[in-house]
């Protein structure tokens, strides 16, 4: 009798029915904020040997002051700008390299690191990574860390 009833009415709740049908991955949308891609890119660009810092000297100076404010956190997105679409993203990075490194090799390694990480973590296609080298850190140069006026 149970088999006859199932044939007439279909499976009952709790008997393997799948509501909505189709692939669960297609039910809904995922959006990724520009800042998420910027953080991923910033962290992975910094991992490359020869990258001394991210951002221009001026943005690093202002960032150092901001980072010293109680409760302030070091900005991993400094020197990174992302433009995120539905399936693609493009990135602009500003880096400072250590003196003596091959800038072309560092730029290539940054692109490879950033593209691999962003595509793996977000599923977005990275269409371009533009890199601007804004400075070279000389061995005897001290990092520009301004004195904080805050106590």
C-alpha atoms as a PDB file:
ATOM      1  CA  UNK A   1       0.000   0.000   0.000  1.00  0.00           C
ATOM      2  CA  UNK A   2       2.819   2.392   0.854  1.00  0.00           C
ATOM      3  CA  UNK A   3       4.425   1.867  -2.559  1.00  0.00           C
ATOM      4  CA  UNK A   4       1.076   2.497  -4.230  1.00  0.00           C
ATOM      5  CA  UNK A   5       0.598   5.736  -2.242  1.00  0.00           C
ATOM      6  CA  UNK A   6       4.151   6.960  -3.094  1.00  0.00           C
ATOM      7  CA  UNK A   7       3.553   6.294  -6.754  1.00  0.00           C
ATOM      8  CA  UNK A   8       0.375   8.357  -6.634  1.00  0.00           C
ATOM      9  CA  UNK A   9       1.517  11.215  -4.372  1.00  0.00           C
ATOM     10  CA  UNK A  10       5.320  11.237  -4.730  1.00  0.00           C
ATOM     11  CA  UNK A  11       7.839  10.994  -1.892  1.00  0.00           C
ATOM     12  CA  UNK A  12       6.781  12.318   1.474  1.00  0.00           C
ATOM     13  CA  UNK A  13       8.630  14.918   3.545  1.00  0.00           C
ATOM     14  CA  UNK A  14      11.764  13.398   4.992  1.00  0.00           C
ATOM     15  CA  UNK A  15      12.002  10.762   2.276  1.00  0.00           C
ATOM     16  CA  UNK A  16      14.695  12.377   0.166  1.00  0.00           C
ATOM     17  CA  UNK A  17      12.721  15.223  -1.402  1.00  0.00           C
ATOM     18  CA  UNK A  18      14.803  18.168  -2.505  1.00  0.00           C
ATOM     19  CA  UNK A  19      12.931  21.421  -2.347  1.00  0.00           C
ATOM     20  CA  UNK A  20      13.368  23.914  -5.148  1.00  0.00           C
ATOM     21  CA  UNK A  21      15.127  21.470  -7.451  1.00  0.00           C
ATOM     22  CA  UNK A  22      18.279  22.224  -9.390  1.00  0.00           C
ATOM     23  CA  UNK A  23      21.782  23.026  -8.233  1.00  0.00           C
ATOM     24  CA  UNK A  24      21.890  24.832  -4.832  1.00  0.00           C
ATOM     25  CA  UNK A  25      24.866  26.879  -6.064  1.00  0.00           C
ATOM     26  CA  UNK A  26      22.582  28.661  -8.554  1.00  0.00           C
ATOM     27  CA  UNK A  27      20.046  29.760  -5.939  1.00  0.00           C
ATOM     28  CA  UNK A  28      20.984  33.302  -5.108  1.00  0.00           C
ATOM     29  CA  UNK A  29      23.796  35.740  -5.807  1.00  0.00           C
ATOM     30  CA  UNK A  30      27.141  36.353  -4.206  1.00  0.00           C
ATOM     31  CA  UNK A  31      28.621  39.835  -4.361  1.00  0.00           C
ATOM     32  CA  UNK A  32      32.182  40.672  -3.379  1.00  0.00           C
ATOM     33  CA  UNK A  33      33.056  44.180  -2.222  1.00  0.00           C
ATOM     34  CA  UNK A  34      35.999  46.058  -3.701  1.00  0.00           C
ATOM     35  CA  UNK A  35      37.582  46.145  -0.227  1.00  0.00           C
ATOM     36  CA  UNK A  36      37.640  42.356   0.005  1.00  0.00           C
ATOM     37  CA  UNK A  37      39.625  42.064  -3.224  1.00  0.00           C
ATOM     38  CA  UNK A  38      41.871  44.946  -2.116  1.00  0.00           C
ATOM     39  CA  UNK A  39      42.731  43.174   1.162  1.00  0.00           C
ATOM     40  CA  UNK A  40      43.540  39.906  -0.583  1.00  0.00           C
ATOM     41  CA  UNK A  41      45.703  41.691  -3.168  1.00  0.00           C
ATOM     42  CA  UNK A  42      47.440  43.838  -0.539  1.00  0.00           C
ATOM     43  CA  UNK A  43      48.388  40.880   1.636  1.00  0.00           C
ATOM     44  CA  UNK A  44      49.645  38.770  -1.250  1.00  0.00           C
ATOM     45  CA  UNK A  45      51.590  41.615  -2.872  1.00  0.00           C
ATOM     46  CA  UNK A  46      53.434  42.209   0.421  1.00  0.00           C
ATOM     47  CA  UNK A  47      54.503  38.542   0.471  1.00  0.00           C
ATOM     48  CA  UNK A  48      56.745  39.044  -2.571  1.00  0.00           C
ATOM     49  CA  UNK A  49      60.446  39.374  -1.833  1.00  0.00           C
ATOM     50  CA  UNK A  50      61.624  42.815  -2.971  1.00  0.00           C
ATOM     51  CA  UNK A  51      58.372  44.629  -2.082  1.00  0.00           C
ATOM     52  CA  UNK A  52      59.339  46.974   0.715  1.00  0.00           C
ATOM     53  CA  UNK A  53      55.964  48.672   1.169  1.00  0.00           C
ATOM     54  CA  UNK A  54      52.670  49.465  -0.497  1.00  0.00           C
ATOM     55  CA  UNK A  55      51.549  52.945  -1.474  1.00  0.00           C
ATOM     56  CA  UNK A  56      53.367  56.179  -2.144  1.00  0.00           C
ATOM     57  CA  UNK A  57      55.557  57.858   0.456  1.00  0.00           C
ATOM     58  CA  UNK A  58      52.802  60.357   1.210  1.00  0.00           C
ATOM     59  CA  UNK A  59      50.089  57.728   1.712  1.00  0.00           C
ATOM     60  CA  UNK A  60      52.456  55.721   3.933  1.00  0.00           C
ATOM     61  CA  UNK A  61      53.195  58.816   6.036  1.00  0.00           C
ATOM     62  CA  UNK A  62      49.498  59.560   6.571  1.00  0.00           C
ATOM     63  CA  UNK A  63      48.855  55.869   7.170  1.00  0.00           C
ATOM     64  CA  UNK A  64      51.542  55.675   9.844  1.00  0.00           C
ATOM     65  CA  UNK A  65      49.910  58.545  11.742  1.00  0.00           C
ATOM     66  CA  UNK A  66      46.464  56.935  11.387  1.00  0.00           C
ATOM     67  CA  UNK A  67      47.806  53.536  12.490  1.00  0.00           C
ATOM     68  CA  UNK A  68      49.020  55.026  15.777  1.00  0.00           C
ATOM     69  CA  UNK A  69      45.564  56.236  16.746  1.00  0.00           C
ATOM     70  CA  UNK A  70      44.212  54.033  19.552  1.00  0.00           C
ATOM     71  CA  UNK A  71      41.925  51.456  18.006  1.00  0.00           C
ATOM     72  CA  UNK A  72      43.319  52.158  14.527  1.00  0.00           C
ATOM     73  CA  UNK A  73      44.435  49.171  12.497  1.00  0.00           C
ATOM     74  CA  UNK A  74      47.169  48.945   9.925  1.00  0.00           C
ATOM     75  CA  UNK A  75      45.621  49.276   6.501  1.00  0.00           C
ATOM     76  CA  UNK A  76      46.371  46.270   4.327  1.00  0.00           C
ATOM     77  CA  UNK A  77      44.625  47.995   1.440  1.00  0.00           C
ATOM     78  CA  UNK A  78      47.081  50.902   1.290  1.00  0.00           C
ATOM     79  CA  UNK A  79      48.399  51.186  -2.265  1.00  0.00           C
ATOM     80  CA  UNK A  80      45.690  48.919  -3.694  1.00  0.00           C
ATOM     81  CA  UNK A  81      42.621  49.880  -5.726  1.00  0.00           C
ATOM     82  CA  UNK A  82      40.209  47.254  -7.063  1.00  0.00           C
ATOM     83  CA  UNK A  83      37.322  47.549  -9.461  1.00  0.00           C
ATOM     84  CA  UNK A  84      35.012  44.573  -9.043  1.00  0.00           C
ATOM     85  CA  UNK A  85      32.312  43.511 -11.484  1.00  0.00           C
ATOM     86  CA  UNK A  86      30.011  40.499 -11.416  1.00  0.00           C
ATOM     87  CA  UNK A  87      32.587  38.021 -12.763  1.00  0.00           C
ATOM     88  CA  UNK A  88      35.791  40.040 -13.281  1.00  0.00           C
ATOM     89  CA  UNK A  89      38.064  42.372 -11.373  1.00  0.00           C
ATOM     90  CA  UNK A  90      40.899  44.761 -12.255  1.00  0.00           C
ATOM     91  CA  UNK A  91      43.540  45.988  -9.821  1.00  0.00           C
ATOM     92  CA  UNK A  92      45.928  48.916  -9.526  1.00  0.00           C
ATOM     93  CA  UNK A  93      48.820  48.512  -7.079  1.00  0.00           C
ATOM     94  CA  UNK A  94      51.384  51.056  -5.963  1.00  0.00           C
ATOM     95  CA  UNK A  95      54.552  49.555  -4.520  1.00  0.00           C
ATOM     96  CA  UNK A  96      57.913  50.560  -3.100  1.00  0.00           C
ATOM     97  CA  UNK A  97      60.717  48.142  -3.961  1.00  0.00           C
ATOM     98  CA  UNK A  98      63.970  47.416  -2.179  1.00  0.00           C
ATOM     99  CA  UNK A  99      67.093  48.815  -3.834  1.00  0.00           C
ATOM    100  CA  UNK A 100      68.957  46.301  -5.978  1.00  0.00           C
ATOM    101  CA  UNK A 101      66.044  44.039  -6.928  1.00  0.00           C
ATOM    102  CA  UNK A 102      64.902  43.550 -10.506  1.00  0.00           C
ATOM    103  CA  UNK A 103      61.769  45.677 -10.726  1.00  0.00           C
ATOM    104  CA  UNK A 104      60.516  43.633 -13.690  1.00  0.00           C
ATOM    105  CA  UNK A 105      60.915  40.382 -11.708  1.00  0.00           C
ATOM    106  CA  UNK A 106      59.235  41.836  -8.606  1.00  0.00           C
ATOM    107  CA  UNK A 107      56.322  43.170 -10.690  1.00  0.00           C
ATOM    108  CA  UNK A 108      55.910  39.785 -12.399  1.00  0.00           C
ATOM    109  CA  UNK A 109      55.936  37.961  -9.052  1.00  0.00           C
ATOM    110  CA  UNK A 110      53.428  40.425  -7.558  1.00  0.00           C
ATOM    111  CA  UNK A 111      51.082  39.898 -10.524  1.00  0.00           C
ATOM    112  CA  UNK A 112      51.352  36.107 -10.252  1.00  0.00           C
ATOM    113  CA  UNK A 113      50.769  36.115  -6.467  1.00  0.00           C
ATOM    114  CA  UNK A 114      47.874  38.541  -6.577  1.00  0.00           C
ATOM    115  CA  UNK A 115      46.106  36.904  -9.534  1.00  0.00           C
ATOM    116  CA  UNK A 116      46.412  33.408  -8.034  1.00  0.00           C
ATOM    117  CA  UNK A 117      45.116  34.491  -4.608  1.00  0.00           C
ATOM    118  CA  UNK A 118      42.253  36.671  -5.839  1.00  0.00           C
ATOM    119  CA  UNK A 119      41.025  34.106  -8.370  1.00  0.00           C
ATOM    120  CA  UNK A 120      41.296  31.231  -5.870  1.00  0.00           C
ATOM    121  CA  UNK A 121      39.547  33.049  -3.028  1.00  0.00           C
ATOM    122  CA  UNK A 122      36.861  34.941  -4.948  1.00  0.00           C
ATOM    123  CA  UNK A 123      36.265  32.975  -8.146  1.00  0.00           C
ATOM    124  CA  UNK A 124      36.540  36.266 -10.052  1.00  0.00           C
ATOM    125  CA  UNK A 125      38.628  36.488 -13.216  1.00  0.00           C
ATOM    126  CA  UNK A 126      41.452  39.006 -12.777  1.00  0.00           C
ATOM    127  CA  UNK A 127      41.631  40.831 -16.111  1.00  0.00           C
ATOM    128  CA  UNK A 128      44.571  43.084 -15.236  1.00  0.00           C
ATOM    129  CA  UNK A 129      46.961  44.038 -12.478  1.00  0.00           C
ATOM    130  CA  UNK A 130      48.606  47.415 -13.105  1.00  0.00           C
ATOM    131  CA  UNK A 131      51.664  48.096 -10.971  1.00  0.00           C
ATOM    132  CA  UNK A 132      53.141  51.520 -10.312  1.00  0.00           C
ATOM    133  CA  UNK A 133      56.543  51.589  -8.618  1.00  0.00           C
ATOM    134  CA  UNK A 134      56.501  54.848  -6.681  1.00  0.00           C
ATOM    135  CA  UNK A 135      59.813  54.594  -4.826  1.00  0.00           C
ATOM    136  CA  UNK A 136      62.959  52.575  -4.143  1.00  0.00           C
ATOM    137  CA  UNK A 137      63.967  51.908  -0.545  1.00  0.00           C
ATOM    138  CA  UNK A 138      67.707  52.532  -0.183  1.00  0.00           C
ATOM    139  CA  UNK A 139      69.610  50.374   2.324  1.00  0.00           C
ATOM    140  CA  UNK A 140      70.580  53.322   4.534  1.00  0.00           C
ATOM    141  CA  UNK A 141      67.177  55.036   4.408  1.00  0.00           C
ATOM    142  CA  UNK A 142      65.018  54.932   7.490  1.00  0.00           C
ATOM    143  CA  UNK A 143      61.308  54.311   7.051  1.00  0.00           C
ATOM    144  CA  UNK A 144      59.345  57.512   7.200  1.00  0.00           C
ATOM    145  CA  UNK A 145      57.495  57.205  10.468  1.00  0.00           C
ATOM    146  CA  UNK A 146      56.422  60.682  11.581  1.00  0.00           C
ATOM    147  CA  UNK A 147      56.331  61.556  15.234  1.00  0.00           C
ATOM    148  CA  UNK A 148      52.797  61.202  16.495  1.00  0.00           C
ATOM    149  CA  UNK A 149      51.213  64.283  18.016  1.00  0.00           C
ATOM    150  CA  UNK A 150      48.843  62.013  19.941  1.00  0.00           C
ATOM    151  CA  UNK A 151      49.585  60.541  23.341  1.00  0.00           C
END
